[in-house]
Amino acid sequence: MPTLQRTYPPTHLDDDLVTALERPSDHAVTQPTYELTVFTYRNGHRHPTVRQLPSELVDILRQAAEALHEGLAVTVKPESRQLTTTQVADLLGVTRPTVVKLIDSGAIPSIRVGTHRRVALPDALAYREARRNAQYDFIAATAVQEEEPVQVVTDLKRIRRQVAEERHSSRV
């Protein structure tokens, strides 16, 4: 059965849970590990199994917990590893013809499946991250001297996240 997109409404989360998932400071000596204890029952007895959570899953839980704690809904939308040009356009917030131009220019690697182009998810994410970093660097370089460039970049990231969330919630 395929995994479908699902949106979870805001819910109250205990402050201690959200705090436990917070990123450690840059000065932390070691990164914390997160474990999940799963209990199975056999012959009337409870048997715990402890599994270490991969860092990617911890990041997902952290982001979801922060959003829910702030009163926002969270949508989980599984993506395949190979994206269509339309999916890449949605991910980047651009039009499909723009994605085709980026592929044709070599800015985003792709493969052909018959007459269709496919982009590997990591390549699309890497392009998005590089584009955002270039935008933030440009903004920081051209910022008015009265304002702190780091604060401007932080504010722009926050605004970008809010716009993306509003755009996404309007589609649901």
C-alpha atoms as a PDB file:
ATOM      1  CA  MET A   1       0.000   0.000   0.000  1.00  0.00           C
ATOM      2  CA  PRO A   2       1.573   3.347  -1.003  1.00  0.00           C
ATOM      3  CA  THR A   3       2.214   5.966   1.642  1.00  0.00           C
ATOM      4  CA  LEU A   4      -0.013   8.965   1.048  1.00  0.00           C
ATOM      5  CA  GLN A   5       0.339  12.593   2.022  1.00  0.00           C
ATOM      6  CA  ARG A   6      -1.192  13.319   5.404  1.00  0.00           C
ATOM      7  CA  THR A   7      -1.660  16.533   7.363  1.00  0.00           C
ATOM      8  CA  TYR A   8      -1.660  16.527  11.151  1.00  0.00           C
ATOM      9  CA  PRO A   9      -3.549  19.327  12.940  1.00  0.00           C
ATOM     10  CA  PRO A  10      -1.837  21.354  15.646  1.00  0.00           C
ATOM     11  CA  THR A  11      -1.748  19.693  19.023  1.00  0.00           C
ATOM     12  CA  HIS A  12      -0.425  20.592  22.436  1.00  0.00           C
ATOM     13  CA  LEU A  13       3.021  19.165  23.044  1.00  0.00           C
ATOM     14  CA  ASP A  14       4.658  19.093  26.433  1.00  0.00           C
ATOM     15  CA  ASP A  15       7.402  21.748  26.624  1.00  0.00           C
ATOM     16  CA  ASP A  16       9.805  19.122  27.969  1.00  0.00           C
ATOM     17  CA  LEU A  17       9.349  17.019  24.823  1.00  0.00           C
ATOM     18  CA  VAL A  18      10.053  19.967  22.520  1.00  0.00           C
ATOM     19  CA  THR A  19      13.086  20.931  24.622  1.00  0.00           C
ATOM     20  CA  ALA A  20      14.398  17.363  24.515  1.00  0.00           C
ATOM     21  CA  LEU A  21      14.367  17.464  20.716  1.00  0.00           C
ATOM     22  CA  GLU A  22      16.071  20.873  20.405  1.00  0.00           C
ATOM     23  CA  ARG A  23      19.321  20.970  18.511  1.00  0.00           C
ATOM     24  CA  PRO A  24      22.354  20.946  20.778  1.00  0.00           C
ATOM     25  CA  SER A  25      24.404  24.148  20.808  1.00  0.00           C
ATOM     26  CA  ASP A  26      27.357  24.449  18.473  1.00  0.00           C
ATOM     27  CA  HIS A  27      29.540  24.284  21.565  1.00  0.00           C
ATOM     28  CA  ALA A  28      28.236  20.897  22.682  1.00  0.00           C
ATOM     29  CA  VAL A  29      31.011  18.340  23.070  1.00  0.00           C
ATOM     30  CA  THR A  30      28.985  15.446  21.703  1.00  0.00           C
ATOM     31  CA  GLN A  31      25.796  15.142  19.716  1.00  0.00           C
ATOM     32  CA  PRO A  32      23.008  13.437  21.660  1.00  0.00           C
ATOM     33  CA  THR A  33      21.625  10.155  20.428  1.00  0.00           C
ATOM     34  CA  TYR A  34      17.934   9.399  20.420  1.00  0.00           C
ATOM     35  CA  GLU A  35      16.558   5.960  21.013  1.00  0.00           C
ATOM     36  CA  LEU A  36      13.159   4.394  20.567  1.00  0.00           C
ATOM     37  CA  THR A  37      12.053   1.599  22.849  1.00  0.00           C
ATOM     38  CA  VAL A  38       9.586  -0.804  21.263  1.00  0.00           C
ATOM     39  CA  PHE A  39       7.756  -3.268  23.480  1.00  0.00           C
ATOM     40  CA  THR A  40       6.579  -6.592  22.118  1.00  0.00           C
ATOM     41  CA  TYR A  41       4.551  -9.149  24.002  1.00  0.00           C
ATOM     42  CA  ARG A  42       5.298 -12.857  23.801  1.00  0.00           C
ATOM     43  CA  ASN A  43       3.966 -15.528  26.080  1.00  0.00           C
ATOM     44  CA  GLY A  44       2.434 -12.912  28.348  1.00  0.00           C
ATOM     45  CA  HIS A  45       5.740 -11.106  28.918  1.00  0.00           C
ATOM     46  CA  ARG A  46       6.806  -7.673  27.785  1.00  0.00           C
ATOM     47  CA  HIS A  47      10.092  -7.553  25.834  1.00  0.00           C
ATOM     48  CA  PRO A  48      11.746  -4.161  25.158  1.00  0.00           C
ATOM     49  CA  THR A  49      13.837  -3.580  22.060  1.00  0.00           C
ATOM     50  CA  VAL A  50      15.883  -0.382  21.889  1.00  0.00           C
ATOM     51  CA  ARG A  51      16.698   1.117  18.504  1.00  0.00           C
ATOM     52  CA  GLN A  52      18.821   4.203  17.841  1.00  0.00           C
ATOM     53  CA  LEU A  53      16.966   6.694  15.640  1.00  0.00           C
ATOM     54  CA  PRO A  54      18.784   7.885  12.512  1.00  0.00           C
ATOM     55  CA  SER A  55      19.655  11.590  12.532  1.00  0.00           C
ATOM     56  CA  GLU A  56      17.321  12.244   9.574  1.00  0.00           C
ATOM     57  CA  LEU A  57      14.349  10.897  11.540  1.00  0.00           C
ATOM     58  CA  VAL A  58      15.339  12.982  14.564  1.00  0.00           C
ATOM     59  CA  ASP A  59      15.430  16.072  12.307  1.00  0.00           C
ATOM     60  CA  ILE A  60      11.932  15.245  11.022  1.00  0.00           C
ATOM     61  CA  LEU A  61      10.617  14.766  14.564  1.00  0.00           C
ATOM     62  CA  ARG A  62      12.302  17.989  15.701  1.00  0.00           C
ATOM     63  CA  GLN A  63      10.807  20.053  12.884  1.00  0.00           C
ATOM     64  CA  ALA A  64       7.352  18.520  13.329  1.00  0.00           C
ATOM     65  CA  ALA A  65       7.436  19.005  17.113  1.00  0.00           C
ATOM     66  CA  GLU A  66       8.470  22.663  16.778  1.00  0.00           C
ATOM     67  CA  ALA A  67       5.710  23.358  14.239  1.00  0.00           C
ATOM     68  CA  LEU A  68       3.024  21.595  16.288  1.00  0.00           C
ATOM     69  CA  HIS A  69       4.219  23.396  19.430  1.00  0.00           C
ATOM     70  CA  GLU A  70       3.819  26.736  17.597  1.00  0.00           C
ATOM     71  CA  GLY A  71       0.232  25.825  16.682  1.00  0.00           C
ATOM     72  CA  LEU A  72       0.931  24.933  13.059  1.00  0.00           C
ATOM     73  CA  ALA A  73      -0.296  21.900  11.163  1.00  0.00           C
ATOM     74  CA  VAL A  74       2.310  19.475   9.778  1.00  0.00           C
ATOM     75  CA  THR A  75       2.041  17.713   6.447  1.00  0.00           C
ATOM     76  CA  VAL A  76       4.059  14.615   5.648  1.00  0.00           C
ATOM     77  CA  LYS A  77       4.383  14.187   1.907  1.00  0.00           C
ATOM     78  CA  PRO A  78       6.474  11.231   0.753  1.00  0.00           C
ATOM     79  CA  GLU A  79       8.406  11.812  -2.456  1.00  0.00           C
ATOM     80  CA  SER A  80      10.009   9.287  -4.747  1.00  0.00           C
ATOM     81  CA  ARG A  81      13.749   9.402  -5.278  1.00  0.00           C
ATOM     82  CA  GLN A  82      13.265  10.413  -8.909  1.00  0.00           C
ATOM     83  CA  LEU A  83      11.160  13.534  -9.442  1.00  0.00           C
ATOM     84  CA  THR A  84       9.339  14.753 -12.514  1.00  0.00           C
ATOM     85  CA  THR A  85      10.001  18.282 -13.735  1.00  0.00           C
ATOM     86  CA  THR A  86       6.623  19.303 -12.289  1.00  0.00           C
ATOM     87  CA  GLN A  87       7.571  17.931  -8.854  1.00  0.00           C
ATOM     88  CA  VAL A  88      10.921  19.739  -9.012  1.00  0.00           C
ATOM     89  CA  ALA A  89       9.119  22.961  -9.969  1.00  0.00           C
ATOM     90  CA  ASP A  90       6.844  22.598  -6.914  1.00  0.00           C
ATOM     91  CA  LEU A  91       9.846  21.899  -4.686  1.00  0.00           C
ATOM     92  CA  LEU A  92      11.742  24.942  -5.956  1.00  0.00           C
ATOM     93  CA  GLY A  93       8.736  27.248  -6.223  1.00  0.00           C
ATOM     94  CA  VAL A  94       9.312  27.928  -9.922  1.00  0.00           C
ATOM     95  CA  THR A  95       7.536  26.972 -13.144  1.00  0.00           C
ATOM     96  CA  ARG A  96       8.093  23.715 -14.978  1.00  0.00           C
ATOM     97  CA  PRO A  97       9.590  25.507 -18.031  1.00  0.00           C
ATOM     98  CA  THR A  98      12.119  27.123 -15.675  1.00  0.00           C
ATOM     99  CA  VAL A  99      13.114  23.676 -14.408  1.00  0.00           C
ATOM    100  CA  VAL A 100      13.529  22.475 -17.999  1.00  0.00           C
ATOM    101  CA  LYS A 101      15.804  25.466 -18.697  1.00  0.00           C
ATOM    102  CA  LEU A 102      17.837  24.715 -15.568  1.00  0.00           C
ATOM    103  CA  ILE A 103      18.215  21.098 -16.658  1.00  0.00           C
ATOM    104  CA  ASP A 104      19.156  22.088 -20.220  1.00  0.00           C
ATOM    105  CA  SER A 105      21.751  24.568 -18.901  1.00  0.00           C
ATOM    106  CA  GLY A 106      23.302  21.887 -16.676  1.00  0.00           C
ATOM    107  CA  ALA A 107      22.405  23.643 -13.428  1.00  0.00           C
ATOM    108  CA  ILE A 108      20.379  20.601 -12.329  1.00  0.00           C
ATOM    109  CA  PRO A 109      21.471  17.110 -13.393  1.00  0.00           C
ATOM    110  CA  SER A 110      18.809  14.819 -14.829  1.00  0.00           C
ATOM    111  CA  ILE A 111      18.290  11.573 -16.676  1.00  0.00           C
ATOM    112  CA  ARG A 112      15.931  10.723 -19.483  1.00  0.00           C
ATOM    113  CA  VAL A 113      13.290   8.052 -19.135  1.00  0.00           C
ATOM    114  CA  GLY A 114      11.945   7.741 -22.653  1.00  0.00           C
ATOM    115  CA  THR A 115      11.051  11.310 -23.577  1.00  0.00           C
ATOM    116  CA  HIS A 116      10.666  12.444 -19.965  1.00  0.00           C
ATOM    117  CA  ARG A 117      13.252  14.038 -17.708  1.00  0.00           C
ATOM    118  CA  ARG A 118      13.762  12.810 -14.152  1.00  0.00           C
ATOM    119  CA  VAL A 119      15.747  14.564 -11.439  1.00  0.00           C
ATOM    120  CA  ALA A 120      17.192  12.756  -8.432  1.00  0.00           C
ATOM    121  CA  LEU A 121      15.732  14.147  -5.212  1.00  0.00           C
ATOM    122  CA  PRO A 122      19.193  14.860  -3.700  1.00  0.00           C
ATOM    123  CA  ASP A 123      20.123  16.878  -6.826  1.00  0.00           C
ATOM    124  CA  ALA A 124      16.950  18.971  -6.570  1.00  0.00           C
ATOM    125  CA  LEU A 125      17.510  19.566  -2.854  1.00  0.00           C
ATOM    126  CA  ALA A 126      21.175  20.468  -3.434  1.00  0.00           C
ATOM    127  CA  TYR A 127      20.185  23.001  -6.113  1.00  0.00           C
ATOM    128  CA  ARG A 128      17.564  24.521  -3.801  1.00  0.00           C
ATOM    129  CA  GLU A 129      20.066  24.830  -0.957  1.00  0.00           C
ATOM    130  CA  ALA A 130      22.755  26.332  -3.207  1.00  0.00           C
ATOM    131  CA  ARG A 131      20.252  28.827  -4.646  1.00  0.00           C
ATOM    132  CA  ARG A 132      19.079  29.882  -1.184  1.00  0.00           C
ATOM    133  CA  ASN A 133      22.640  30.254   0.084  1.00  0.00           C
ATOM    134  CA  ALA A 134      23.518  32.386  -2.941  1.00  0.00           C
ATOM    135  CA  GLN A 135      20.458  34.558  -2.307  1.00  0.00           C
ATOM    136  CA  TYR A 136      21.306  34.976   1.386  1.00  0.00           C
ATOM    137  CA  ASP A 137      24.946  35.761   0.554  1.00  0.00           C
ATOM    138  CA  PHE A 138      23.848  38.394  -1.961  1.00  0.00           C
ATOM    139  CA  ILE A 139      21.448  39.952   0.506  1.00  0.00           C
ATOM    140  CA  ALA A 140      24.091  39.988   3.228  1.00  0.00           C
ATOM    141  CA  ALA A 141      26.616  41.558   0.822  1.00  0.00           C
ATOM    142  CA  THR A 142      24.210  44.293  -0.257  1.00  0.00           C
ATOM    143  CA  ALA A 143      22.601  44.940   3.114  1.00  0.00           C
ATOM    144  CA  VAL A 144      22.432  48.480   4.412  1.00  0.00           C
ATOM    145  CA  GLN A 145      25.207  49.011   6.926  1.00  0.00           C
ATOM    146  CA  GLU A 146      22.841  50.101   9.721  1.00  0.00           C
ATOM    147  CA  GLU A 147      21.350  46.618   9.972  1.00  0.00           C
ATOM    148  CA  GLU A 148      23.145  43.510  11.083  1.00  0.00           C
ATOM    149  CA  PRO A 149      23.479  41.217   8.010  1.00  0.00           C
ATOM    150  CA  VAL A 150      23.099  38.093  10.127  1.00  0.00           C
ATOM    151  CA  GLN A 151      19.785  39.374  11.503  1.00  0.00           C
ATOM    152  CA  VAL A 152      18.561  40.261   8.008  1.00  0.00           C
ATOM    153  CA  VAL A 153      19.392  36.762   6.764  1.00  0.00           C
ATOM    154  CA  THR A 154      17.674  35.212   9.809  1.00  0.00           C
ATOM    155  CA  ASP A 155      14.573  37.356   9.257  1.00  0.00           C
ATOM    156  CA  LEU A 156      14.468  36.469   5.560  1.00  0.00           C
ATOM    157  CA  LYS A 157      14.723  32.755   6.329  1.00  0.00           C
ATOM    158  CA  ARG A 158      11.837  33.089   8.797  1.00  0.00           C
ATOM    159  CA  ILE A 159       9.738  35.029   6.278  1.00  0.00           C
ATOM    160  CA  ARG A 160      10.545  32.500   3.531  1.00  0.00           C
ATOM    161  CA  ARG A 161       9.426  29.660   5.813  1.00  0.00           C
ATOM    162  CA  GLN A 162       6.163  31.489   6.660  1.00  0.00           C
ATOM    163  CA  VAL A 163       5.410  32.170   2.984  1.00  0.00           C
ATOM    164  CA  ALA A 164       6.101  28.542   2.093  1.00  0.00           C
ATOM    165  CA  GLU A 165       3.821  27.331   4.900  1.00  0.00           C
ATOM    166  CA  GLU A 166       1.044  29.698   3.811  1.00  0.00           C
ATOM    167  CA  ARG A 167       1.468  28.623   0.189  1.00  0.00           C
ATOM    168  CA  HIS A 168       1.352  24.974   1.209  1.00  0.00           C
ATOM    169  CA  SER A 169      -1.692  25.390   3.467  1.00  0.00           C
ATOM    170  CA  SER A 170      -3.594  27.099   0.665  1.00  0.00           C
ATOM    171  CA  ARG A 171      -3.058  24.014  -1.548  1.00  0.00           C
ATOM    172  CA  VAL A 172      -4.425  21.553   1.024  1.00  0.00           C
END
